[in-house]
Protein backbone atom coordinates (compact mmCIF):
# COMPACT_ATOMS: atom_id res chain seq x y z
CA UNK A 1 -22.76 21.06 4.55
CA UNK A 2 -21.74 18.71 6.18
CA UNK A 3 -19.01 15.98 5.68
CA UNK A 4 -19.70 13.64 3.58
CA UNK A 5 -18.62 10.26 6.24
CA UNK A 6 -19.44 11.06 9.45
CA UNK A 7 -18.03 9.23 12.99
CA UNK A 8 -19.99 5.48 13.27
CA UNK A 9 -20.51 5.45 9.74
CA UNK A 10 -19.94 2.24 7.96
CA UNK A 11 -18.36 1.93 4.23
CA UNK A 12 -19.29 -0.82 1.67
CA UNK A 13 -17.00 -1.27 -0.95
CA UNK A 14 -16.87 -2.65 -4.53
CA UNK A 15 -14.03 -4.74 -4.63
CA UNK A 16 -12.16 -3.88 -7.38
CA UNK A 17 -8.44 -3.20 -8.76
CA UNK A 18 -9.25 0.07 -10.74
CA UNK A 19 -11.23 3.52 -10.19
CA UNK A 20 -12.56 6.84 -12.27
CA UNK A 21 -10.34 9.99 -11.02
CA UNK A 22 -12.14 10.91 -7.77
CA UNK A 23 -13.23 8.24 -6.27
CA UNK A 24 -13.17 8.01 -2.96
CA UNK A 25 -10.91 3.93 -3.01
CA UNK A 26 -9.41 2.15 -0.03
CA UNK A 27 -5.84 1.91 -1.68
CA UNK A 28 -2.82 -0.61 -0.38
CA UNK A 29 0.09 1.09 0.09
CA UNK A 30 3.17 -0.87 0.73
CA UNK A 31 1.66 -3.99 -0.38
CA UNK A 32 -0.24 -4.05 3.06
CA UNK A 33 -1.01 -0.37 5.11
CA UNK A 34 -4.76 0.08 3.46
CA UNK A 35 -5.80 3.23 3.50
CA UNK A 36 -9.64 5.35 3.10
CA UNK A 37 -8.64 8.02 0.28
CA UNK A 38 -10.00 9.98 -2.40
CA UNK A 39 -8.03 9.28 -5.46
CA UNK A 40 -6.55 11.96 -8.11
CA UNK A 41 -5.00 10.54 -11.18
CA UNK A 42 -2.26 12.37 -12.79
CA UNK A 43 0.04 11.95 -16.25
CA UNK A 44 3.05 11.49 -13.89
CA UNK A 45 1.64 9.44 -11.18
CA UNK A 46 -1.14 9.86 -8.33
CA UNK A 47 -2.46 11.63 -5.62
CA UNK A 48 -3.80 10.42 -3.06
CA UNK A 49 -5.96 12.86 -0.89
CA UNK A 50 -7.15 12.72 2.67
CA UNK A 51 -10.96 12.23 3.26
CA UNK A 52 -10.48 14.16 6.68
CA UNK A 53 -8.71 17.84 5.50
CA UNK A 54 -6.94 18.02 8.40
CA UNK A 55 -4.04 15.61 6.57
CA UNK A 56 -1.91 16.28 3.54
CA UNK A 57 -2.43 14.44 0.37
CA UNK A 58 0.51 12.10 -0.93
CA UNK A 59 1.51 11.92 -4.20
CA UNK A 60 3.55 8.41 -5.74
CA UNK A 61 5.54 8.80 -9.19
CA UNK A 62 4.02 6.13 -11.89
CA UNK A 63 7.68 4.48 -10.28
CA UNK A 64 6.33 4.07 -6.80
CA UNK A 65 3.52 2.57 -7.71
CA UNK A 66 4.68 -0.29 -9.45
CA UNK A 67 7.51 -0.85 -6.58
CA UNK A 68 6.41 0.17 -3.27
CA UNK A 69 3.41 -1.14 -4.47
CA UNK A 70 0.49 1.59 -4.71
CA UNK A 71 -2.54 -0.28 -5.40
CA UNK A 72 -6.49 0.09 -5.46
CA UNK A 73 -8.65 -2.56 -3.85
CA UNK A 74 -12.05 -1.01 -3.09
CA UNK A 75 -14.18 1.82 -4.37
CA UNK A 76 -16.75 3.02 -2.16
CA UNK A 77 -20.11 2.23 -2.77
CA UNK A 78 -22.59 2.94 0.05
CA UNK A 79 -22.48 4.16 3.52
CA UNK A 80 -25.31 2.91 6.27
CA UNK A 81 -25.88 5.43 8.79
CA UNK A 82 -27.62 5.14 12.08
CA UNK A 83 -30.18 8.20 12.87
């Protein structure tokens, strides 16, 4: 099985501020640092799981989500890949 996203892929996002559990999303952390992660919603916060498995997930409490802030800015909608 190959990775879902490959080098040189173009990912198109739907601009939205919400997502479902396990969606791949663009997320603002600290209000300005954008990252591309799988979202894992928990009762006490949110885990941002890197798409690249070489990196560790980041957990943010509900308080951190409000104060940093951590915001969903878009959901991965389409991949464009050259063959």
